[in-house]
Amino acid sequence: LEPRQYSDVHQGESLQFVILAEVPAAARAGRYQATLSLSAAGKPARTIPLELEVYPFTLPEPFAYSCFGMYYGTFVSRLFDLPEPMLRATLQDMRRHNMSTVVLYDSRVQPMGEEYLARVNAVLDAEGFPRHPLPYACGGSITADRAAELSAIVKRQQWRELLFYPVDEPFAGGQERLGRAIKLYNELKTAPGVRTYSTVTQNDINAIGNGLDVRCYTVNHDTFQPDRILA
């Protein structure tokens, strides 16, 4: 799978891993046998037999109503700062795993602006990404005026919409973090046409209200009422 550090499994504990298996388009329906190999430092290697069932149909990608994206690397890395061949290979791998958008950070190499956004959109187009909005992790210093300026650029150029994302997981830092999120999100919404994004719990929505447009729900914190959220 991958080297684990932040979620090591200790004795007496268990941890769920999700394995994504890429099924070739030409694969016939039926049952297939596979083996998963596990290794750890100082431990004997183990294998786990797997049985995979391929069904005789393909589900369409739900482009009309959902995006599937990911953060790239660590807080010190930036996807669009990678050397061009590595960037292309990374985006191609994301598309092979059905990812349809990315989380955009400020570049450490090139200032955020029209030139940077042109490159981002051109590379995503070239690698077959649909024109879904881009959550832009813009940090707590973003202003409504700056958000309006960037929104005007992407609208004029007919590029992917930016969803402004100044606070991640407002629930993670107590009342101080949530209070900062309430202030920032509602200030951003004073800019006409600007939409916002965050990873939130239902209780964050209760507090932030109409300041938050696009929501990635975390369902294992606080109260979760699927019917109310769907409505």
C-alpha atoms as a PDB file:
ATOM      1  CA  LEU A   1       0.000   0.000   0.000  1.00  0.00           C
ATOM      2  CA  GLU A   2       2.136   2.874   1.256  1.00  0.00           C
ATOM      3  CA  PRO A   3       4.447   3.580   4.203  1.00  0.00           C
ATOM      4  CA  ARG A   4       2.334   4.446   7.237  1.00  0.00           C
ATOM      5  CA  GLN A   5       3.389   6.859   9.960  1.00  0.00           C
ATOM      6  CA  TYR A   6       0.441   8.952  11.093  1.00  0.00           C
ATOM      7  CA  SER A   7      -1.938   5.997  11.513  1.00  0.00           C
ATOM      8  CA  ASP A   8       0.214   3.030  12.557  1.00  0.00           C
ATOM      9  CA  VAL A   9      -1.750   0.030  13.794  1.00  0.00           C
ATOM     10  CA  HIS A  10      -0.702  -0.865  17.327  1.00  0.00           C
ATOM     11  CA  GLN A  11      -1.162  -4.154  19.150  1.00  0.00           C
ATOM     12  CA  GLY A  12      -4.768  -4.688  20.165  1.00  0.00           C
ATOM     13  CA  GLU A  13      -6.041  -2.101  17.661  1.00  0.00           C
ATOM     14  CA  SER A  14      -7.445  -2.370  14.171  1.00  0.00           C
ATOM     15  CA  LEU A  15      -7.546   0.012  11.231  1.00  0.00           C
ATOM     16  CA  GLN A  16      -9.533  -0.140   8.015  1.00  0.00           C
ATOM     17  CA  PHE A  17      -7.756   0.202   4.698  1.00  0.00           C
ATOM     18  CA  VAL A  18      -9.536   0.755   1.404  1.00  0.00           C
ATOM     19  CA  ILE A  19      -8.005  -0.904  -1.641  1.00  0.00           C
ATOM     20  CA  LEU A  20      -8.895   0.518  -5.061  1.00  0.00           C
ATOM     21  CA  ALA A  21      -8.575  -2.049  -7.852  1.00  0.00           C
ATOM     22  CA  GLU A  22      -8.437  -0.663 -11.381  1.00  0.00           C
ATOM     23  CA  VAL A  23     -10.427  -3.003 -13.637  1.00  0.00           C
ATOM     24  CA  PRO A  24      -9.374  -2.919 -17.305  1.00  0.00           C
ATOM     25  CA  ALA A  25     -12.214  -1.989 -19.630  1.00  0.00           C
ATOM     26  CA  ALA A  26     -11.701  -5.249 -21.558  1.00  0.00           C
ATOM     27  CA  ALA A  27     -11.968  -7.472 -18.461  1.00  0.00           C
ATOM     28  CA  ARG A  28     -14.665 -10.124 -18.748  1.00  0.00           C
ATOM     29  CA  ALA A  29     -17.266 -10.476 -16.008  1.00  0.00           C
ATOM     30  CA  GLY A  30     -16.498 -13.208 -13.489  1.00  0.00           C
ATOM     31  CA  ARG A  31     -14.461 -14.068 -10.414  1.00  0.00           C
ATOM     32  CA  TYR A  32     -10.725 -13.419 -10.268  1.00  0.00           C
ATOM     33  CA  GLN A  33      -8.087 -14.519  -7.785  1.00  0.00           C
ATOM     34  CA  ALA A  34      -5.439 -12.151  -6.461  1.00  0.00           C
ATOM     35  CA  THR A  35      -2.898 -11.916  -3.657  1.00  0.00           C
ATOM     36  CA  LEU A  36      -2.148  -8.967  -1.393  1.00  0.00           C
ATOM     37  CA  SER A  37       1.388  -8.885   0.029  1.00  0.00           C
ATOM     38  CA  LEU A  38       2.047  -7.132   3.338  1.00  0.00           C
ATOM     39  CA  SER A  39       5.433  -6.278   4.806  1.00  0.00           C
ATOM     40  CA  ALA A  40       6.620  -4.308   7.816  1.00  0.00           C
ATOM     41  CA  ALA A  41      10.024  -3.478   9.231  1.00  0.00           C
ATOM     42  CA  GLY A  42      11.293  -6.325  11.401  1.00  0.00           C
ATOM     43  CA  LYS A  43       8.287  -8.545  10.672  1.00  0.00           C
ATOM     44  CA  PRO A  44       7.898 -11.534   8.370  1.00  0.00           C
ATOM     45  CA  ALA A  45       6.054 -10.827   5.123  1.00  0.00           C
ATOM     46  CA  ARG A  46       2.481 -12.076   4.840  1.00  0.00           C
ATOM     47  CA  THR A  47       0.129 -12.657   1.962  1.00  0.00           C
ATOM     48  CA  ILE A  48      -3.644 -12.444   1.959  1.00  0.00           C
ATOM     49  CA  PRO A  49      -5.650 -14.205  -0.762  1.00  0.00           C
ATOM     50  CA  LEU A  50      -8.293 -12.025  -2.413  1.00  0.00           C
ATOM     51  CA  GLU A  51     -11.217 -12.920  -4.605  1.00  0.00           C
ATOM     52  CA  LEU A  52     -12.490 -10.134  -6.873  1.00  0.00           C
ATOM     53  CA  GLU A  53     -15.791 -10.220  -8.709  1.00  0.00           C
ATOM     54  CA  VAL A  54     -16.176  -8.175 -11.899  1.00  0.00           C
ATOM     55  CA  TYR A  55     -19.759  -7.391 -12.839  1.00  0.00           C
ATOM     56  CA  PRO A  56     -21.062  -7.264 -16.430  1.00  0.00           C
ATOM     57  CA  PHE A  57     -21.805  -3.533 -16.419  1.00  0.00           C
ATOM     58  CA  THR A  58     -20.041  -0.192 -15.913  1.00  0.00           C
ATOM     59  CA  LEU A  59     -21.347   2.585 -13.679  1.00  0.00           C
ATOM     60  CA  PRO A  60     -21.267   6.034 -15.283  1.00  0.00           C
ATOM     61  CA  GLU A  61     -19.132   8.636 -13.564  1.00  0.00           C
ATOM     62  CA  PRO A  62     -21.491  10.993 -11.710  1.00  0.00           C
ATOM     63  CA  PHE A  63     -20.071  14.195 -13.188  1.00  0.00           C
ATOM     64  CA  ALA A  64     -23.421  15.934 -12.996  1.00  0.00           C
ATOM     65  CA  TYR A  65     -23.581  16.038  -9.235  1.00  0.00           C
ATOM     66  CA  SER A  66     -20.279  15.216  -7.572  1.00  0.00           C
ATOM     67  CA  CYS A  67     -16.559  15.803  -7.641  1.00  0.00           C
ATOM     68  CA  PHE A  68     -13.900  13.437  -6.374  1.00  0.00           C
ATOM     69  CA  GLY A  69     -10.586  15.059  -5.544  1.00  0.00           C
ATOM     70  CA  MET A  70      -7.738  14.959  -3.091  1.00  0.00           C
ATOM     71  CA  TYR A  71      -5.077  16.954  -1.351  1.00  0.00           C
ATOM     72  CA  TYR A  72      -1.627  16.497  -2.805  1.00  0.00           C
ATOM     73  CA  GLY A  73       1.249  15.498  -0.551  1.00  0.00           C
ATOM     74  CA  THR A  74       1.994  17.522   2.568  1.00  0.00           C
ATOM     75  CA  PHE A  75       1.531  21.092   3.678  1.00  0.00           C
ATOM     76  CA  VAL A  76       4.948  22.005   2.235  1.00  0.00           C
ATOM     77  CA  SER A  77       4.319  20.516  -1.221  1.00  0.00           C
ATOM     78  CA  ARG A  78       2.344  22.013  -4.061  1.00  0.00           C
ATOM     79  CA  LEU A  79       0.966  19.952  -6.928  1.00  0.00           C
ATOM     80  CA  PHE A  80       1.532  22.571  -9.623  1.00  0.00           C
ATOM     81  CA  ASP A  81       5.091  23.242  -8.446  1.00  0.00           C
ATOM     82  CA  LEU A  82       6.155  19.740  -9.522  1.00  0.00           C
ATOM     83  CA  PRO A  83       8.428  19.397 -12.572  1.00  0.00           C
ATOM     84  CA  GLU A  84       6.260  19.063 -15.674  1.00  0.00           C
ATOM     85  CA  PRO A  85       6.784  15.304 -16.303  1.00  0.00           C
ATOM     86  CA  MET A  86       6.027  14.458 -12.657  1.00  0.00           C
ATOM     87  CA  LEU A  87       2.975  16.745 -12.636  1.00  0.00           C
ATOM     88  CA  ARG A  88       1.602  15.083 -15.777  1.00  0.00           C
ATOM     89  CA  ALA A  89       2.220  11.572 -14.421  1.00  0.00           C
ATOM     90  CA  THR A  90       0.541  12.462 -11.113  1.00  0.00           C
ATOM     91  CA  LEU A  91      -2.542  13.912 -12.810  1.00  0.00           C
ATOM     92  CA  GLN A  92      -2.776  10.896 -15.118  1.00  0.00           C
ATOM     93  CA  ASP A  93      -2.726   8.611 -12.075  1.00  0.00           C
ATOM     94  CA  MET A  94      -5.486  10.664 -10.442  1.00  0.00           C
ATOM     95  CA  ARG A  95      -7.679  10.357 -13.541  1.00  0.00           C
ATOM     96  CA  ARG A  96      -7.102   6.603 -13.692  1.00  0.00           C
ATOM     97  CA  HIS A  97      -8.572   6.492 -10.187  1.00  0.00           C
ATOM     98  CA  ASN A  98     -11.622   8.516 -11.292  1.00  0.00           C
ATOM     99  CA  MET A  99     -10.596  11.762  -9.601  1.00  0.00           C
ATOM    100  CA  SER A 100     -12.304  14.674 -11.268  1.00  0.00           C
ATOM    101  CA  THR A 101     -10.879  17.735  -9.500  1.00  0.00           C
ATOM    102  CA  VAL A 102      -7.928  18.819  -7.351  1.00  0.00           C
ATOM    103  CA  VAL A 103      -7.506  21.080  -4.343  1.00  0.00           C
ATOM    104  CA  LEU A 104      -5.598  24.149  -5.498  1.00  0.00           C
ATOM    105  CA  TYR A 105      -2.970  25.823  -3.315  1.00  0.00           C
ATOM    106  CA  ASP A 106      -0.983  29.000  -3.810  1.00  0.00           C
ATOM    107  CA  SER A 107       2.202  28.197  -5.687  1.00  0.00           C
ATOM    108  CA  ARG A 108       5.573  28.660  -4.034  1.00  0.00           C
ATOM    109  CA  VAL A 109       7.114  29.132  -7.491  1.00  0.00           C
ATOM    110  CA  GLN A 110       4.628  31.320  -9.366  1.00  0.00           C
ATOM    111  CA  PRO A 111       2.350  33.993  -7.874  1.00  0.00           C
ATOM    112  CA  MET A 112      -1.381  33.271  -7.846  1.00  0.00           C
ATOM    113  CA  GLY A 113      -2.883  35.185 -10.717  1.00  0.00           C
ATOM    114  CA  GLU A 114      -3.922  34.949 -14.340  1.00  0.00           C
ATOM    115  CA  GLU A 115      -0.727  33.279 -15.573  1.00  0.00           C
ATOM    116  CA  TYR A 116      -0.805  30.626 -12.840  1.00  0.00           C
ATOM    117  CA  LEU A 117      -4.503  29.911 -13.367  1.00  0.00           C
ATOM    118  CA  ALA A 118      -3.932  29.636 -17.131  1.00  0.00           C
ATOM    119  CA  ARG A 119      -1.316  26.937 -16.558  1.00  0.00           C
ATOM    120  CA  VAL A 120      -3.484  25.058 -14.045  1.00  0.00           C
ATOM    121  CA  ASN A 121      -6.461  24.963 -16.408  1.00  0.00           C
ATOM    122  CA  ALA A 122      -4.386  24.067 -19.463  1.00  0.00           C
ATOM    123  CA  VAL A 123      -2.728  21.109 -17.718  1.00  0.00           C
ATOM    124  CA  LEU A 124      -6.019  19.821 -16.265  1.00  0.00           C
ATOM    125  CA  ASP A 125      -7.620  20.079 -19.719  1.00  0.00           C
ATOM    126  CA  ALA A 126      -4.719  18.214 -21.315  1.00  0.00           C
ATOM    127  CA  GLU A 127      -4.995  15.364 -18.811  1.00  0.00           C
ATOM    128  CA  GLY A 128      -8.740  14.922 -19.291  1.00  0.00           C
ATOM    129  CA  PHE A 129     -10.109  16.484 -16.110  1.00  0.00           C
ATOM    130  CA  PRO A 130     -13.722  17.644 -16.430  1.00  0.00           C
ATOM    131  CA  ARG A 131     -14.369  21.319 -15.835  1.00  0.00           C
ATOM    132  CA  HIS A 132     -15.462  20.907 -12.236  1.00  0.00           C
ATOM    133  CA  PRO A 133     -14.840  23.735  -9.728  1.00  0.00           C
ATOM    134  CA  LEU A 134     -11.488  23.871  -7.939  1.00  0.00           C
ATOM    135  CA  PRO A 135     -11.517  24.224  -4.150  1.00  0.00           C
ATOM    136  CA  TYR A 136      -8.850  26.874  -3.553  1.00  0.00           C
ATOM    137  CA  ALA A 137      -7.176  26.553  -0.139  1.00  0.00           C
ATOM    138  CA  CYS A 138      -6.531  30.268   0.083  1.00  0.00           C
ATOM    139  CA  GLY A 139      -5.725  30.648   3.785  1.00  0.00           C
ATOM    140  CA  GLY A 140      -7.173  33.002   6.352  1.00  0.00           C
ATOM    141  CA  SER A 141      -5.705  36.154   4.802  1.00  0.00           C
ATOM    142  CA  ILE A 142      -8.006  36.168   1.755  1.00  0.00           C
ATOM    143  CA  THR A 143     -10.262  39.202   1.406  1.00  0.00           C
ATOM    144  CA  ALA A 144     -13.564  39.632  -0.369  1.00  0.00           C
ATOM    145  CA  ASP A 145     -11.930  42.038  -2.845  1.00  0.00           C
ATOM    146  CA  ARG A 146      -9.182  39.550  -3.711  1.00  0.00           C
ATOM    147  CA  ALA A 147     -11.728  36.725  -4.092  1.00  0.00           C
ATOM    148  CA  ALA A 148     -13.802  38.938  -6.426  1.00  0.00           C
ATOM    149  CA  GLU A 149     -10.683  39.742  -8.492  1.00  0.00           C
ATOM    150  CA  LEU A 150      -9.765  36.067  -8.962  1.00  0.00           C
ATOM    151  CA  SER A 151     -13.380  35.092  -9.673  1.00  0.00           C
ATOM    152  CA  ALA A 152     -13.554  37.772 -12.374  1.00  0.00           C
ATOM    153  CA  ILE A 153     -10.410  36.350 -14.036  1.00  0.00           C
ATOM    154  CA  VAL A 154     -11.732  32.778 -14.272  1.00  0.00           C
ATOM    155  CA  LYS A 155     -15.150  33.963 -15.410  1.00  0.00           C
ATOM    156  CA  ARG A 156     -13.674  36.178 -18.133  1.00  0.00           C
ATOM    157  CA  GLN A 157     -11.408  33.379 -19.374  1.00  0.00           C
ATOM    158  CA  GLN A 158     -14.131  30.713 -18.991  1.00  0.00           C
ATOM    159  CA  TRP A 159     -11.868  28.650 -16.741  1.00  0.00           C
ATOM    160  CA  ARG A 160     -12.852  26.415 -13.837  1.00  0.00           C
ATOM    161  CA  GLU A 161     -14.665  28.185 -11.024  1.00  0.00           C
ATOM    162  CA  LEU A 162     -12.665  28.762  -7.843  1.00  0.00           C
ATOM    163  CA  LEU A 163     -14.372  27.747  -4.586  1.00  0.00           C
ATOM    164  CA  PHE A 164     -12.749  29.801  -1.828  1.00  0.00           C
ATOM    165  CA  TYR A 165     -11.549  27.612   1.036  1.00  0.00           C
ATOM    166  CA  PRO A 166     -10.004  29.725   3.834  1.00  0.00           C
ATOM    167  CA  VAL A 167     -10.617  27.391   6.822  1.00  0.00           C
ATOM    168  CA  ASP A 168     -10.388  23.604   6.748  1.00  0.00           C
ATOM    169  CA  GLU A 169     -12.421  21.604   9.277  1.00  0.00           C
ATOM    170  CA  PRO A 170     -13.740  24.457  11.434  1.00  0.00           C
ATOM    171  CA  PHE A 171     -14.687  21.882  14.080  1.00  0.00           C
ATOM    172  CA  ALA A 172     -11.038  20.889  14.627  1.00  0.00           C
ATOM    173  CA  GLY A 173      -9.897  23.896  16.652  1.00  0.00           C
ATOM    174  CA  GLY A 174     -12.672  24.661  19.114  1.00  0.00           C
ATOM    175  CA  GLN A 175     -14.704  27.840  19.269  1.00  0.00           C
ATOM    176  CA  GLU A 176     -11.804  30.096  18.226  1.00  0.00           C
ATOM    177  CA  ARG A 177     -11.359  28.297  14.881  1.00  0.00           C
ATOM    178  CA  LEU A 178     -15.092  28.113  14.277  1.00  0.00           C
ATOM    179  CA  GLY A 179     -15.468  31.803  15.087  1.00  0.00           C
ATOM    180  CA  ARG A 180     -12.736  32.677  12.583  1.00  0.00           C
ATOM    181  CA  ALA A 181     -14.493  30.547   9.953  1.00  0.00           C
ATOM    182  CA  ILE A 182     -17.834  32.265  10.548  1.00  0.00           C
ATOM    183  CA  LYS A 183     -16.199  35.680  10.107  1.00  0.00           C
ATOM    184  CA  LEU A 184     -14.168  34.792   6.992  1.00  0.00           C
ATOM    185  CA  TYR A 185     -16.891  32.909   5.140  1.00  0.00           C
ATOM    186  CA  ASN A 186     -19.507  35.569   5.673  1.00  0.00           C
ATOM    187  CA  GLU A 187     -17.069  38.311   4.622  1.00  0.00           C
ATOM    188  CA  LEU A 188     -16.261  36.422   1.406  1.00  0.00           C
ATOM    189  CA  LYS A 189     -19.955  36.152   0.595  1.00  0.00           C
ATOM    190  CA  THR A 190     -20.183  39.950   0.413  1.00  0.00           C
ATOM    191  CA  ALA A 191     -18.372  39.666  -2.956  1.00  0.00           C
ATOM    192  CA  PRO A 192     -20.950  39.125  -5.733  1.00  0.00           C
ATOM    193  CA  GLY A 193     -20.752  35.711  -7.375  1.00  0.00           C
ATOM    194  CA  VAL A 194     -18.101  34.274  -5.026  1.00  0.00           C
ATOM    195  CA  ARG A 195     -18.755  30.758  -3.739  1.00  0.00           C
ATOM    196  CA  THR A 196     -17.067  29.079  -0.782  1.00  0.00           C
ATOM    197  CA  TYR A 197     -16.061  25.555   0.248  1.00  0.00           C
ATOM    198  CA  SER A 198     -14.950  23.629   3.346  1.00  0.00           C
ATOM    199  CA  THR A 199     -14.815  20.214   4.962  1.00  0.00           C
ATOM    200  CA  VAL A 200     -17.370  20.479   7.740  1.00  0.00           C
ATOM    201  CA  THR A 201     -19.660  18.773  10.207  1.00  0.00           C
ATOM    202  CA  GLN A 202     -23.344  19.454  10.457  1.00  0.00           C
ATOM    203  CA  ASN A 203     -22.730  21.603  13.535  1.00  0.00           C
ATOM    204  CA  ASP A 204     -20.405  23.861  11.507  1.00  0.00           C
ATOM    205  CA  ILE A 205     -23.239  24.415   9.043  1.00  0.00           C
ATOM    206  CA  ASN A 206     -25.536  25.372  11.895  1.00  0.00           C
ATOM    207  CA  ALA A 207     -23.024  28.087  12.838  1.00  0.00           C
ATOM    208  CA  ILE A 208     -21.738  29.322   9.454  1.00  0.00           C
ATOM    209  CA  GLY A 209     -25.089  29.196   7.674  1.00  0.00           C
ATOM    210  CA  ASN A 210     -25.320  30.782   4.238  1.00  0.00           C
ATOM    211  CA  GLY A 211     -21.652  31.773   4.258  1.00  0.00           C
ATOM    212  CA  LEU A 212     -20.726  28.288   3.053  1.00  0.00           C
ATOM    213  CA  ASP A 213     -21.901  27.123  -0.374  1.00  0.00           C
ATOM    214  CA  VAL A 214     -20.188  23.827  -1.227  1.00  0.00           C
ATOM    215  CA  ARG A 215     -19.719  21.348   1.588  1.00  0.00           C
ATOM    216  CA  CYS A 216     -17.673  18.188   2.009  1.00  0.00           C
ATOM    217  CA  TYR A 217     -19.352  16.558   5.000  1.00  0.00           C
ATOM    218  CA  THR A 218     -17.380  14.741   7.687  1.00  0.00           C
ATOM    219  CA  VAL A 219     -19.876  12.246   9.022  1.00  0.00           C
ATOM    220  CA  ASN A 220     -18.009  10.829  12.029  1.00  0.00           C
ATOM    221  CA  HIS A 221     -18.015  14.003  14.138  1.00  0.00           C
ATOM    222  CA  ASP A 222     -20.906  15.594  16.017  1.00  0.00           C
ATOM    223  CA  THR A 223     -24.517  15.047  15.036  1.00  0.00           C
ATOM    224  CA  PHE A 224     -25.271  13.801  11.533  1.00  0.00           C
ATOM    225  CA  GLN A 225     -28.793  13.884  10.083  1.00  0.00           C
ATOM    226  CA  PRO A 226     -28.621  12.674   6.445  1.00  0.00           C
ATOM    227  CA  ASP A 227     -32.226  13.597   5.623  1.00  0.00           C
ATOM    228  CA  ARG A 228     -31.761  17.185   6.801  1.00  0.00           C
ATOM    229  CA  ILE A 229     -28.452  17.555   4.968  1.00  0.00           C
ATOM    230  CA  LEU A 230     -29.948  16.172   1.761  1.00  0.00           C
ATOM    231  CA  ALA A 231     -32.810  18.653   2.007  1.00  0.00           C
END
